[in-house]
Protein backbone atom coordinates (compact mmCIF):
# COMPACT_ATOMS: atom_id res chain seq x y z
CA MET A 1 0.00 0.00 0.00
CA TYR A 2 1.22 3.48 -0.86
CA THR A 3 0.03 6.65 0.81
CA ALA A 4 -0.13 10.33 -0.07
CA GLU A 5 2.05 10.92 2.98
CA GLN A 6 4.79 8.76 1.46
CA ALA A 7 4.45 10.63 -1.83
CA ARG A 8 4.46 13.97 0.00
CA ALA A 9 1.68 15.03 -2.33
CA TYR A 10 -2.09 15.01 -2.02
CA LYS A 11 -4.73 14.69 -4.69
CA PRO A 12 -5.42 16.25 -7.06
CA ARG A 13 -1.70 17.13 -7.34
CA LEU A 14 -0.04 15.00 -9.98
CA GLY A 15 2.89 14.16 -7.70
CA ALA A 16 0.78 11.66 -5.79
CA PHE A 17 -0.01 9.80 -8.99
CA GLU A 18 3.54 10.04 -10.33
CA TYR A 19 4.85 8.57 -7.09
CA LEU A 20 2.45 5.64 -7.35
CA TYR A 21 3.38 4.86 -10.96
CA ALA A 22 7.07 5.00 -10.09
CA GLN A 23 6.53 2.59 -7.20
CA LEU A 24 4.52 0.20 -9.37
CA GLY A 25 6.98 0.44 -12.24
CA CYS A 26 4.28 1.02 -14.83
CA ARG A 27 3.03 3.75 -17.11
CA PRO A 28 -0.29 5.57 -16.68
CA GLN A 29 -1.48 4.38 -20.09
CA ASP A 30 -1.06 0.77 -18.92
CA THR A 31 -3.52 1.10 -16.03
CA LEU A 32 -7.22 1.34 -15.30
CA HIS A 33 -8.17 4.08 -12.86
CA VAL A 34 -11.46 3.79 -10.98
CA SER A 35 -12.72 6.63 -8.82
CA ALA A 36 -15.84 8.18 -7.35
CA SER A 37 -14.35 11.65 -7.85
CA PRO A 38 -13.83 13.22 -11.27
CA ARG A 39 -12.49 16.33 -9.57
CA TYR A 40 -9.86 14.73 -7.33
CA ASP A 41 -8.90 11.63 -9.26
CA LEU A 42 -10.13 11.22 -12.79
CA GLN A 43 -9.06 14.61 -14.12
CA SER A 44 -5.54 14.10 -12.75
CA ALA A 45 -5.36 10.55 -14.11
CA THR A 46 -6.50 11.80 -17.52
CA ASP A 47 -3.92 14.61 -17.43
CA LEU A 48 -1.19 12.01 -16.80
CA GLY A 49 -2.24 9.89 -19.77
CA VAL A 50 -4.45 7.20 -18.26
CA ARG A 51 -6.66 6.08 -21.13
CA GLU A 52 -8.96 3.73 -19.27
CA THR A 53 -10.87 5.53 -16.55
CA VAL A 54 -14.08 4.59 -14.78
CA TYR A 55 -16.27 6.99 -12.86
CA LEU A 56 -18.05 5.19 -10.03
CA ASN A 57 -20.98 7.60 -9.88
CA ARG A 58 -22.46 7.45 -6.40
CA GLY A 59 -24.39 10.67 -6.85
CA TYR A 60 -22.05 12.95 -4.90
CA GLU A 61 -20.44 14.75 -7.85
CA PRO A 62 -21.72 15.52 -11.34
CA SER A 63 -20.64 13.37 -14.23
CA ALA A 64 -17.65 14.67 -16.18
CA PRO A 65 -17.53 12.71 -19.45
CA HIS A 66 -14.44 14.59 -20.63
CA CYS A 67 -12.32 12.82 -18.00
CA HIS A 68 -13.64 9.27 -17.95
CA ALA A 69 -14.14 6.56 -20.50
CA TYR A 70 -16.81 4.63 -18.62
CA GLU A 71 -19.40 5.40 -15.98
CA VAL A 72 -20.98 2.91 -13.58
CA THR A 73 -22.99 3.24 -10.39
CA THR A 74 -21.76 0.15 -8.49
CA LEU A 75 -18.60 -1.87 -8.00
CA THR A 76 -20.45 -4.69 -9.71
CA GLY A 77 -20.51 -2.42 -12.76
CA VAL A 78 -16.72 -2.17 -12.62
CA ALA A 79 -16.42 -5.95 -12.41
CA GLU A 80 -18.73 -6.29 -15.42
CA LEU A 81 -16.56 -3.87 -17.42
CA LEU A 82 -13.60 -6.11 -16.63
CA GLY A 83 -15.48 -9.20 -17.77
CA PHE A 84 -16.09 -10.78 -14.36
């Protein structure tokens, strides 16, 4: 597990995401990013080059289609997108 404290950066700052990708040894475009917050997660992930993004819309923030590829309302919806 990696924390924002370890990264010394908090969302939506890109440093938190860059730290994570460095720790995982992968590129943003090779990942799927799932979040319930377009404002604090999905926009940053999109800015870094994540192509596959899922907005888990729980009704707390408005949809932002410009920063996510898919939108679901449950974790079951995420699993279905992944073919489970």
